[in-house]
Amino acid sequence: MLSLAATTPAATTAEPPPPAEKHTPSLPDPWEETWQPPVTGQTYRPRAQAALIRLLNRERIRNGCRPLRTHPAVTRAAQRHSDYMARVGELSHTGAHASRPGDRLTDEGYRWHRVAENLARSKPKAATALRLWKNSPKHRAAMLTCAYHHAGVGMSTRDGQGWWTLLLTKRR
């Protein structure tokens, strides 16, 4: 921890105070809650995540956009959010510690300029999640915005339900 102190002539001639006991407050790791061991019945499916990106890129190409590239930091942010939603049982753009999609990307070290987040709770099949988003004008518009270059998919299952997070980003 850094601290700044002004030095005055009086302070430099006085006896230094006795060293104080070091007490480091126990601050919670902002992602500690997210990375707990899975809840009973919660599993991860990386193949489903890769399948979603393949299906999404096919759709983007059909609509005149370049394919998205996955980015490790974006994928981590998406996965952490899917884990969080599965654990708490709530589909929400607000995550652990009131985080928003841009906050989660920044916490992963990704410098973003533009971000969109699509969420779904469905069967743990990529085609099902993509179909839900394609049938929603707002979600479809986000997926088919050609300005996005990177993507990350998070998917966690709990009790047979898939909790999907799709982050679409443009780097700063």
N, C-alpha and C. Protein backbone atom coordinates (compact mmCIF):
# COMPACT_ATOMS: atom_id res chain seq x y z
N MET A 1 0.84 -1.17 0.00
CA MET A 1 0.00 0.00 0.00
C MET A 1 0.89 1.23 0.00
N LEU A 2 0.57 2.20 -0.81
CA LEU A 2 1.33 3.43 -0.88
C LEU A 2 0.57 4.50 -0.13
N SER A 3 1.31 5.34 0.56
CA SER A 3 0.67 6.49 1.17
C SER A 3 1.56 7.69 0.95
N LEU A 4 0.96 8.85 0.85
CA LEU A 4 1.70 10.08 0.65
C LEU A 4 1.62 10.88 1.93
N ALA A 5 2.73 11.43 2.34
CA ALA A 5 2.74 12.27 3.53
C ALA A 5 3.59 13.49 3.23
N ALA A 6 3.15 14.62 3.68
CA ALA A 6 3.94 15.85 3.51
C ALA A 6 5.01 15.88 4.59
N THR A 7 6.21 16.24 4.21
CA THR A 7 7.29 16.33 5.18
C THR A 7 7.49 17.80 5.53
N THR A 8 7.40 18.09 6.82
CA THR A 8 7.64 19.45 7.29
C THR A 8 8.89 19.42 8.14
N PRO A 9 9.55 20.58 8.37
CA PRO A 9 10.74 20.58 9.20
C PRO A 9 10.47 20.01 10.59
N ALA A 10 9.31 20.29 11.16
CA ALA A 10 9.00 19.78 12.50
C ALA A 10 8.89 18.27 12.48
N ALA A 11 8.34 17.73 11.43
CA ALA A 11 8.15 16.29 11.36
C ALA A 11 9.49 15.58 11.19
N THR A 12 10.46 16.20 10.55
CA THR A 12 11.73 15.53 10.32
C THR A 12 12.61 15.54 11.55
N THR A 13 12.40 16.46 12.52
CA THR A 13 13.24 16.50 13.70
C THR A 13 12.63 15.73 14.86
N ALA A 14 11.36 15.38 14.78
CA ALA A 14 10.71 14.66 15.88
C ALA A 14 11.09 13.19 15.83
N GLU A 15 10.95 12.55 17.01
CA GLU A 15 11.19 11.12 17.08
C GLU A 15 10.18 10.39 16.20
N PRO A 16 10.62 9.43 15.45
CA PRO A 16 9.65 8.69 14.65
C PRO A 16 8.73 7.90 15.58
N PRO A 17 7.48 7.80 15.23
CA PRO A 17 6.56 7.05 16.08
C PRO A 17 6.94 5.57 16.07
N PRO A 18 6.58 4.86 17.13
CA PRO A 18 6.89 3.42 17.14
C PRO A 18 6.13 2.74 16.00
N PRO A 19 6.73 1.71 15.47
CA PRO A 19 6.05 1.04 14.36
C PRO A 19 4.71 0.49 14.83
N ALA A 20 3.70 0.78 14.05
CA ALA A 20 2.36 0.28 14.37
C ALA A 20 2.25 -1.16 13.91
N GLU A 21 1.39 -1.90 14.58
CA GLU A 21 1.16 -3.27 14.15
C GLU A 21 0.52 -3.23 12.77
N LYS A 22 1.03 -4.06 11.92
CA LYS A 22 0.46 -4.08 10.58
C LYS A 22 -0.83 -4.87 10.60
N HIS A 23 -1.87 -4.20 10.14
CA HIS A 23 -3.16 -4.85 10.03
C HIS A 23 -3.65 -4.66 8.61
N THR A 24 -3.70 -5.74 7.89
CA THR A 24 -4.19 -5.67 6.53
C THR A 24 -5.64 -6.12 6.55
N PRO A 25 -6.54 -5.20 6.20
CA PRO A 25 -7.94 -5.61 6.22
C PRO A 25 -8.19 -6.72 5.20
N SER A 26 -9.03 -7.60 5.55
CA SER A 26 -9.36 -8.71 4.67
C SER A 26 -10.44 -8.26 3.71
N LEU A 27 -10.00 -7.89 2.51
CA LEU A 27 -10.95 -7.46 1.49
C LEU A 27 -11.33 -8.66 0.64
N PRO A 28 -12.59 -8.79 0.31
CA PRO A 28 -12.97 -9.93 -0.52
C PRO A 28 -12.47 -9.77 -1.94
N ASP A 29 -12.02 -10.86 -2.51
CA ASP A 29 -11.65 -10.87 -3.92
C ASP A 29 -12.94 -10.70 -4.71
N PRO A 30 -13.00 -9.72 -5.62
CA PRO A 30 -14.27 -9.48 -6.31
C PRO A 30 -14.79 -10.70 -7.07
N TRP A 31 -13.92 -11.64 -7.44
CA TRP A 31 -14.39 -12.80 -8.20
C TRP A 31 -14.42 -14.06 -7.34
N GLU A 32 -14.05 -13.93 -6.08
CA GLU A 32 -14.02 -15.10 -5.21
C GLU A 32 -15.37 -15.81 -5.22
N GLU A 33 -16.42 -15.03 -5.13
CA GLU A 33 -17.75 -15.59 -5.12
C GLU A 33 -18.03 -16.35 -6.41
N THR A 34 -17.50 -15.86 -7.50
CA THR A 34 -17.77 -16.47 -8.79
C THR A 34 -17.00 -17.77 -8.99
N TRP A 35 -15.81 -17.88 -8.42
CA TRP A 35 -14.98 -19.05 -8.68
C TRP A 35 -15.02 -20.08 -7.57
N GLN A 36 -16.08 -20.13 -6.81
CA GLN A 36 -16.22 -21.20 -5.84
C GLN A 36 -16.41 -22.51 -6.59
N PRO A 37 -16.21 -23.62 -5.91
CA PRO A 37 -16.45 -24.89 -6.59
C PRO A 37 -17.91 -24.94 -7.08
N PRO A 38 -18.15 -25.67 -8.15
CA PRO A 38 -19.51 -25.71 -8.68
C PRO A 38 -20.51 -26.21 -7.64
N VAL A 39 -21.73 -25.70 -7.75
CA VAL A 39 -22.80 -26.17 -6.89
C VAL A 39 -23.16 -27.57 -7.36
N THR A 40 -23.77 -28.34 -6.51
CA THR A 40 -24.16 -29.68 -6.91
C THR A 40 -24.96 -29.61 -8.21
N GLY A 41 -24.53 -30.40 -9.17
CA GLY A 41 -25.24 -30.43 -10.43
C GLY A 41 -24.75 -29.40 -11.44
N GLN A 42 -23.82 -28.52 -11.09
CA GLN A 42 -23.34 -27.49 -12.01
C GLN A 42 -22.14 -28.05 -12.77
N THR A 43 -22.19 -27.98 -14.09
CA THR A 43 -21.08 -28.47 -14.91
C THR A 43 -20.76 -27.46 -16.00
N TYR A 44 -19.62 -27.65 -16.64
CA TYR A 44 -19.14 -26.75 -17.69
C TYR A 44 -19.03 -27.54 -18.98
N ARG A 45 -19.33 -26.88 -20.09
CA ARG A 45 -19.29 -27.57 -21.38
C ARG A 45 -18.56 -26.72 -22.42
N PRO A 46 -17.22 -26.82 -22.48
CA PRO A 46 -16.47 -26.03 -23.45
C PRO A 46 -16.83 -26.33 -24.91
N ARG A 47 -17.23 -27.56 -25.21
CA ARG A 47 -17.62 -27.88 -26.59
C ARG A 47 -18.86 -27.10 -27.00
N ALA A 48 -19.78 -26.94 -26.08
CA ALA A 48 -20.99 -26.17 -26.37
C ALA A 48 -20.64 -24.70 -26.65
N GLN A 49 -19.66 -24.19 -25.92
CA GLN A 49 -19.23 -22.80 -26.14
C GLN A 49 -18.64 -22.65 -27.53
N ALA A 50 -17.77 -23.57 -27.92
CA ALA A 50 -17.15 -23.51 -29.25
C ALA A 50 -18.22 -23.67 -30.34
N ALA A 51 -19.19 -24.53 -30.10
CA ALA A 51 -20.27 -24.73 -31.07
C ALA A 51 -21.07 -23.45 -31.25
N LEU A 52 -21.32 -22.72 -30.17
CA LEU A 52 -22.08 -21.48 -30.28
C LEU A 52 -21.33 -20.47 -31.16
N ILE A 53 -20.04 -20.34 -30.97
CA ILE A 53 -19.25 -19.41 -31.78
C ILE A 53 -19.30 -19.81 -33.25
N ARG A 54 -19.18 -21.12 -33.54
CA ARG A 54 -19.25 -21.58 -34.93
C ARG A 54 -20.60 -21.22 -35.56
N LEU A 55 -21.69 -21.51 -34.84
CA LEU A 55 -23.03 -21.22 -35.35
C LEU A 55 -23.24 -19.72 -35.52
N LEU A 56 -22.77 -18.95 -34.55
CA LEU A 56 -22.92 -17.50 -34.62
C LEU A 56 -22.14 -16.93 -35.81
N ASN A 57 -20.93 -17.41 -36.02
CA ASN A 57 -20.13 -16.90 -37.14
C ASN A 57 -20.76 -17.26 -38.48
N ARG A 58 -21.39 -18.42 -38.60
CA ARG A 58 -22.11 -18.75 -39.83
C ARG A 58 -23.21 -17.73 -40.09
N GLU A 59 -23.94 -17.39 -39.03
CA GLU A 59 -25.03 -16.42 -39.15
C GLU A 59 -24.50 -15.04 -39.52
N ARG A 60 -23.38 -14.65 -38.93
CA ARG A 60 -22.78 -13.34 -39.23
C ARG A 60 -22.31 -13.27 -40.68
N ILE A 61 -21.69 -14.33 -41.17
CA ILE A 61 -21.21 -14.36 -42.55
C ILE A 61 -22.40 -14.26 -43.52
N ARG A 62 -23.48 -14.98 -43.23
CA ARG A 62 -24.69 -14.90 -44.06
C ARG A 62 -25.23 -13.48 -44.13
N ASN A 63 -24.99 -12.69 -43.09
CA ASN A 63 -25.51 -11.34 -43.01
C ASN A 63 -24.47 -10.28 -43.32
N GLY A 64 -23.35 -10.68 -43.93
CA GLY A 64 -22.36 -9.73 -44.41
C GLY A 64 -21.35 -9.25 -43.38
N CYS A 65 -21.27 -9.88 -42.22
CA CYS A 65 -20.28 -9.50 -41.19
C CYS A 65 -19.12 -10.48 -41.20
N ARG A 66 -17.98 -10.00 -40.76
CA ARG A 66 -16.83 -10.88 -40.59
C ARG A 66 -17.07 -11.78 -39.37
N PRO A 67 -16.43 -12.95 -39.35
CA PRO A 67 -16.56 -13.81 -38.17
C PRO A 67 -15.91 -13.16 -36.94
N LEU A 68 -16.44 -13.49 -35.79
CA LEU A 68 -15.87 -13.03 -34.54
C LEU A 68 -14.71 -13.93 -34.14
N ARG A 69 -13.72 -13.35 -33.48
CA ARG A 69 -12.62 -14.14 -32.92
C ARG A 69 -12.84 -14.22 -31.42
N THR A 70 -12.59 -15.39 -30.87
CA THR A 70 -12.68 -15.49 -29.41
C THR A 70 -11.45 -14.84 -28.81
N HIS A 71 -11.62 -14.30 -27.63
CA HIS A 71 -10.53 -13.66 -26.91
C HIS A 71 -10.55 -14.23 -25.49
N PRO A 72 -9.39 -14.65 -24.96
CA PRO A 72 -9.37 -15.30 -23.65
C PRO A 72 -9.96 -14.45 -22.53
N ALA A 73 -9.67 -13.16 -22.50
CA ALA A 73 -10.19 -12.31 -21.42
C ALA A 73 -11.70 -12.16 -21.54
N VAL A 74 -12.20 -12.06 -22.76
CA VAL A 74 -13.64 -11.92 -22.97
C VAL A 74 -14.34 -13.22 -22.58
N THR A 75 -13.72 -14.34 -22.93
CA THR A 75 -14.28 -15.65 -22.57
C THR A 75 -14.30 -15.83 -21.06
N ARG A 76 -13.23 -15.44 -20.38
CA ARG A 76 -13.21 -15.55 -18.91
C ARG A 76 -14.32 -14.73 -18.28
N ALA A 77 -14.50 -13.50 -18.76
CA ALA A 77 -15.55 -12.64 -18.21
C ALA A 77 -16.93 -13.27 -18.43
N ALA A 78 -17.15 -13.82 -19.62
CA ALA A 78 -18.44 -14.46 -19.92
C ALA A 78 -18.64 -15.70 -19.06
N GLN A 79 -17.59 -16.51 -18.90
CA GLN A 79 -17.72 -17.73 -18.11
C GLN A 79 -17.99 -17.42 -16.64
N ARG A 80 -17.30 -16.45 -16.12
CA ARG A 80 -17.51 -16.08 -14.71
C ARG A 80 -18.96 -15.63 -14.49
N HIS A 81 -19.50 -14.90 -15.47
CA HIS A 81 -20.87 -14.43 -15.31
C HIS A 81 -21.87 -15.59 -15.41
N SER A 82 -21.63 -16.52 -16.32
CA SER A 82 -22.51 -17.70 -16.41
C SER A 82 -22.45 -18.51 -15.12
N ASP A 83 -21.24 -18.67 -14.57
CA ASP A 83 -21.11 -19.39 -13.30
C ASP A 83 -21.90 -18.70 -12.20
N TYR A 84 -21.80 -17.40 -12.16
CA TYR A 84 -22.51 -16.61 -11.14
C TYR A 84 -24.03 -16.79 -11.29
N MET A 85 -24.52 -16.64 -12.52
CA MET A 85 -25.96 -16.75 -12.73
C MET A 85 -26.47 -18.15 -12.37
N ALA A 86 -25.72 -19.19 -12.73
CA ALA A 86 -26.13 -20.56 -12.40
C ALA A 86 -26.16 -20.76 -10.89
N ARG A 87 -25.18 -20.20 -10.22
CA ARG A 87 -25.10 -20.37 -8.76
C ARG A 87 -26.26 -19.68 -8.05
N VAL A 88 -26.58 -18.44 -8.46
CA VAL A 88 -27.64 -17.70 -7.77
C VAL A 88 -29.02 -18.00 -8.36
N GLY A 89 -29.06 -18.64 -9.53
CA GLY A 89 -30.33 -19.00 -10.13
C GLY A 89 -31.10 -17.82 -10.70
N GLU A 90 -30.38 -16.82 -11.20
CA GLU A 90 -31.03 -15.62 -11.73
C GLU A 90 -30.35 -15.17 -13.02
N LEU A 91 -31.16 -14.93 -14.03
CA LEU A 91 -30.67 -14.42 -15.31
C LEU A 91 -30.65 -12.90 -15.23
N SER A 92 -29.46 -12.30 -15.25
CA SER A 92 -29.36 -10.85 -15.06
C SER A 92 -28.06 -10.32 -15.66
N HIS A 93 -28.14 -9.11 -16.21
CA HIS A 93 -26.94 -8.45 -16.71
C HIS A 93 -26.10 -7.88 -15.57
N THR A 94 -26.66 -7.82 -14.38
CA THR A 94 -25.92 -7.38 -13.20
C THR A 94 -25.36 -8.62 -12.52
N GLY A 95 -24.05 -8.60 -12.31
CA GLY A 95 -23.40 -9.79 -11.76
C GLY A 95 -22.92 -9.60 -10.34
N ALA A 96 -21.94 -10.39 -9.97
CA ALA A 96 -21.36 -10.34 -8.63
C ALA A 96 -20.89 -8.92 -8.32
N HIS A 97 -21.18 -8.45 -7.14
CA HIS A 97 -20.77 -7.12 -6.68
C HIS A 97 -21.31 -6.02 -7.60
N ALA A 98 -22.52 -6.22 -8.11
CA ALA A 98 -23.22 -5.24 -8.96
C ALA A 98 -22.44 -4.92 -10.25
N SER A 99 -21.65 -5.86 -10.74
CA SER A 99 -20.87 -5.63 -11.95
C SER A 99 -21.77 -5.62 -13.18
N ARG A 100 -21.34 -4.86 -14.17
CA ARG A 100 -22.00 -4.78 -15.46
C ARG A 100 -21.05 -5.41 -16.49
N PRO A 101 -21.50 -5.67 -17.72
CA PRO A 101 -20.62 -6.33 -18.71
C PRO A 101 -19.28 -5.61 -18.90
N GLY A 102 -19.29 -4.29 -19.01
CA GLY A 102 -18.03 -3.56 -19.18
C GLY A 102 -17.12 -3.67 -17.97
N ASP A 103 -17.71 -3.70 -16.78
CA ASP A 103 -16.91 -3.87 -15.55
C ASP A 103 -16.20 -5.21 -15.57
N ARG A 104 -16.91 -6.24 -15.98
CA ARG A 104 -16.32 -7.59 -15.98
C ARG A 104 -15.19 -7.68 -17.01
N LEU A 105 -15.34 -7.02 -18.14
CA LEU A 105 -14.26 -7.01 -19.14
C LEU A 105 -13.05 -6.24 -18.62
N THR A 106 -13.29 -5.09 -18.02
CA THR A 106 -12.20 -4.28 -17.47
C THR A 106 -11.46 -5.06 -16.39
N ASP A 107 -12.19 -5.77 -15.54
CA ASP A 107 -11.56 -6.57 -14.49
C ASP A 107 -10.67 -7.67 -15.05
N GLU A 108 -10.97 -8.11 -16.26
CA GLU A 108 -10.14 -9.13 -16.91
C GLU A 108 -8.97 -8.52 -17.67
N GLY A 109 -8.87 -7.19 -17.66
CA GLY A 109 -7.76 -6.53 -18.35
C GLY A 109 -8.02 -6.24 -19.81
N TYR A 110 -9.24 -6.38 -20.25
CA TYR A 110 -9.58 -6.13 -21.65
C TYR A 110 -10.03 -4.68 -21.79
N ARG A 111 -9.35 -3.94 -22.66
CA ARG A 111 -9.69 -2.52 -22.89
C ARG A 111 -10.70 -2.46 -24.02
N TRP A 112 -11.93 -2.21 -23.67
CA TRP A 112 -13.02 -2.26 -24.63
C TRP A 112 -13.51 -0.87 -24.99
N HIS A 113 -14.06 -0.79 -26.20
CA HIS A 113 -14.67 0.46 -26.68
C HIS A 113 -16.19 0.29 -26.76
N ARG A 114 -16.62 -0.91 -27.10
CA ARG A 114 -18.03 -1.19 -27.28
C ARG A 114 -18.28 -2.62 -26.80
N VAL A 115 -19.42 -2.83 -26.14
CA VAL A 115 -19.73 -4.16 -25.63
C VAL A 115 -21.23 -4.41 -25.67
N ALA A 116 -21.59 -5.64 -25.96
CA ALA A 116 -22.98 -6.09 -25.88
C ALA A 116 -22.96 -7.44 -25.18
N GLU A 117 -24.03 -7.73 -24.47
CA GLU A 117 -24.12 -9.00 -23.75
C GLU A 117 -25.49 -9.61 -24.00
N ASN A 118 -25.49 -10.84 -24.48
CA ASN A 118 -26.72 -11.61 -24.63
C ASN A 118 -26.71 -12.72 -23.59
N LEU A 119 -27.84 -12.91 -22.93
CA LEU A 119 -27.97 -13.93 -21.90
C LEU A 119 -29.12 -14.86 -22.26
N ALA A 120 -28.99 -16.11 -21.86
CA ALA A 120 -30.08 -17.05 -22.07
C ALA A 120 -30.03 -18.14 -21.00
N ARG A 121 -31.19 -18.61 -20.65
CA ARG A 121 -31.31 -19.82 -19.83
C ARG A 121 -32.12 -20.78 -20.68
N SER A 122 -31.50 -21.86 -21.08
CA SER A 122 -32.15 -22.79 -21.99
C SER A 122 -31.54 -24.17 -21.81
N LYS A 123 -31.87 -25.06 -22.73
CA LYS A 123 -31.19 -26.35 -22.76
C LYS A 123 -29.71 -26.07 -22.99
N PRO A 124 -28.85 -26.94 -22.50
CA PRO A 124 -27.41 -26.70 -22.69
C PRO A 124 -26.92 -27.04 -24.09
N LYS A 125 -27.66 -26.60 -25.10
CA LYS A 125 -27.27 -26.82 -26.49
C LYS A 125 -27.10 -25.47 -27.15
N ALA A 126 -26.00 -25.32 -27.86
CA ALA A 126 -25.67 -24.04 -28.50
C ALA A 126 -26.77 -23.60 -29.47
N ALA A 127 -27.30 -24.53 -30.24
CA ALA A 127 -28.33 -24.18 -31.23
C ALA A 127 -29.57 -23.62 -30.56
N THR A 128 -29.91 -24.12 -29.38
CA THR A 128 -31.09 -23.63 -28.66
C THR A 128 -30.88 -22.19 -28.21
N ALA A 129 -29.73 -21.91 -27.62
CA ALA A 129 -29.44 -20.55 -27.16
C ALA A 129 -29.41 -19.58 -28.34
N LEU A 130 -28.75 -19.98 -29.43
CA LEU A 130 -28.67 -19.11 -30.60
C LEU A 130 -30.06 -18.85 -31.18
N ARG A 131 -30.91 -19.88 -31.23
CA ARG A 131 -32.27 -19.71 -31.76
C ARG A 131 -33.06 -18.70 -30.91
N LEU A 132 -32.92 -18.77 -29.59
CA LEU A 132 -33.59 -17.80 -28.72
C LEU A 132 -33.16 -16.38 -29.06
N TRP A 133 -31.88 -16.16 -29.23
CA TRP A 133 -31.36 -14.83 -29.53
C TRP A 133 -31.76 -14.37 -30.93
N LYS A 134 -31.76 -15.29 -31.89
CA LYS A 134 -32.16 -14.92 -33.26
C LYS A 134 -33.62 -14.50 -33.31
N ASN A 135 -34.45 -15.05 -32.46
CA ASN A 135 -35.88 -14.74 -32.45
C ASN A 135 -36.20 -13.46 -31.68
N SER A 136 -35.23 -12.86 -31.06
CA SER A 136 -35.43 -11.60 -30.33
C SER A 136 -34.77 -10.48 -31.14
N PRO A 137 -35.53 -9.50 -31.61
CA PRO A 137 -34.93 -8.45 -32.44
C PRO A 137 -33.73 -7.75 -31.80
N LYS A 138 -33.81 -7.47 -30.51
CA LYS A 138 -32.72 -6.76 -29.84
C LYS A 138 -31.45 -7.63 -29.76
N HIS A 139 -31.61 -8.91 -29.42
CA HIS A 139 -30.47 -9.80 -29.31
C HIS A 139 -29.87 -10.11 -30.68
N ARG A 140 -30.76 -10.28 -31.66
CA ARG A 140 -30.30 -10.54 -33.03
C ARG A 140 -29.49 -9.35 -33.55
N ALA A 141 -29.98 -8.14 -33.30
CA ALA A 141 -29.26 -6.95 -33.75
C ALA A 141 -27.87 -6.89 -33.14
N ALA A 142 -27.74 -7.23 -31.87
CA ALA A 142 -26.42 -7.22 -31.23
C ALA A 142 -25.49 -8.24 -31.90
N MET A 143 -25.99 -9.44 -32.15
CA MET A 143 -25.15 -10.48 -32.74
C MET A 143 -24.71 -10.14 -34.16
N LEU A 144 -25.57 -9.41 -34.87
CA LEU A 144 -25.27 -9.11 -36.27
C LEU A 144 -24.73 -7.70 -36.47
N THR A 145 -24.23 -7.09 -35.41
CA THR A 145 -23.55 -5.80 -35.52
C THR A 145 -22.12 -6.07 -35.97
N CYS A 146 -21.81 -5.62 -37.16
CA CYS A 146 -20.50 -5.93 -37.74
C CYS A 146 -19.34 -5.22 -37.03
N ALA A 147 -19.63 -4.24 -36.21
CA ALA A 147 -18.58 -3.50 -35.51
C ALA A 147 -17.87 -4.35 -34.46
N TYR A 148 -18.50 -5.41 -33.98
CA TYR A 148 -17.86 -6.26 -32.96
C TYR A 148 -16.83 -7.16 -33.60
N HIS A 149 -15.69 -7.32 -32.94
CA HIS A 149 -14.58 -8.13 -33.47
C HIS A 149 -14.29 -9.35 -32.61
N HIS A 150 -14.49 -9.22 -31.29
CA HIS A 150 -14.17 -10.32 -30.37
C HIS A 150 -15.45 -10.83 -29.70
N ALA A 151 -15.38 -12.09 -29.30
CA ALA A 151 -16.51 -12.68 -28.59
C ALA A 151 -15.98 -13.59 -27.50
N GLY A 152 -16.80 -13.79 -26.51
CA GLY A 152 -16.53 -14.76 -25.46
C GLY A 152 -17.85 -15.39 -25.08
N VAL A 153 -17.83 -16.69 -24.89
CA VAL A 153 -19.04 -17.41 -24.50
C VAL A 153 -18.79 -18.08 -23.17
N GLY A 154 -19.74 -17.90 -22.28
CA GLY A 154 -19.72 -18.61 -21.01
C GLY A 154 -20.96 -19.48 -20.95
N MET A 155 -20.79 -20.71 -20.48
CA MET A 155 -21.94 -21.58 -20.33
C MET A 155 -21.72 -22.48 -19.14
N SER A 156 -22.66 -22.46 -18.27
CA SER A 156 -22.62 -23.30 -17.09
C SER A 156 -23.99 -23.94 -16.95
N THR A 157 -24.02 -25.20 -16.56
CA THR A 157 -25.32 -25.85 -16.39
C THR A 157 -25.55 -26.17 -14.93
N ARG A 158 -26.80 -26.15 -14.60
CA ARG A 158 -27.21 -26.52 -13.25
C ARG A 158 -28.60 -27.10 -13.36
N ASP A 159 -28.74 -28.30 -12.85
CA ASP A 159 -30.03 -29.00 -12.86
C ASP A 159 -30.63 -29.07 -14.26
N GLY A 160 -29.78 -29.34 -15.25
CA GLY A 160 -30.25 -29.52 -16.62
C GLY A 160 -30.48 -28.24 -17.41
N GLN A 161 -30.33 -27.09 -16.79
CA GLN A 161 -30.50 -25.80 -17.47
C GLN A 161 -29.15 -25.23 -17.85
N GLY A 162 -29.04 -24.68 -19.05
CA GLY A 162 -27.82 -24.00 -19.47
C GLY A 162 -27.95 -22.51 -19.19
N TRP A 163 -26.93 -21.93 -18.60
CA TRP A 163 -26.87 -20.50 -18.32
C TRP A 163 -25.82 -19.93 -19.25
N TRP A 164 -26.26 -19.20 -20.28
CA TRP A 164 -25.41 -18.73 -21.35
C TRP A 164 -25.12 -17.25 -21.22
N THR A 165 -23.88 -16.88 -21.48
CA THR A 165 -23.47 -15.49 -21.61
C THR A 165 -22.68 -15.36 -22.90
N LEU A 166 -23.11 -14.44 -23.75
CA LEU A 166 -22.37 -14.14 -24.97
C LEU A 166 -21.95 -12.68 -24.87
N LEU A 167 -20.64 -12.44 -24.82
CA LEU A 167 -20.10 -11.08 -24.82
C LEU A 167 -19.55 -10.78 -26.20
N LEU A 168 -19.98 -9.66 -26.76
CA LEU A 168 -19.50 -9.19 -28.06
C LEU A 168 -18.79 -7.87 -27.81
N THR A 169 -17.57 -7.72 -28.34
CA THR A 169 -16.78 -6.55 -28.00
C THR A 169 -16.02 -5.97 -29.19
N LYS A 170 -15.69 -4.74 -29.02
CA LYS A 170 -14.75 -4.06 -29.90
C LYS A 170 -13.70 -3.45 -28.99
N ARG A 171 -12.45 -3.73 -29.29
CA ARG A 171 -11.34 -3.26 -28.46
C ARG A 171 -11.11 -1.77 -28.66
N ARG A 172 -10.66 -1.12 -27.58
CA ARG A 172 -10.33 0.31 -27.66
C ARG A 172 -9.06 0.49 -28.44
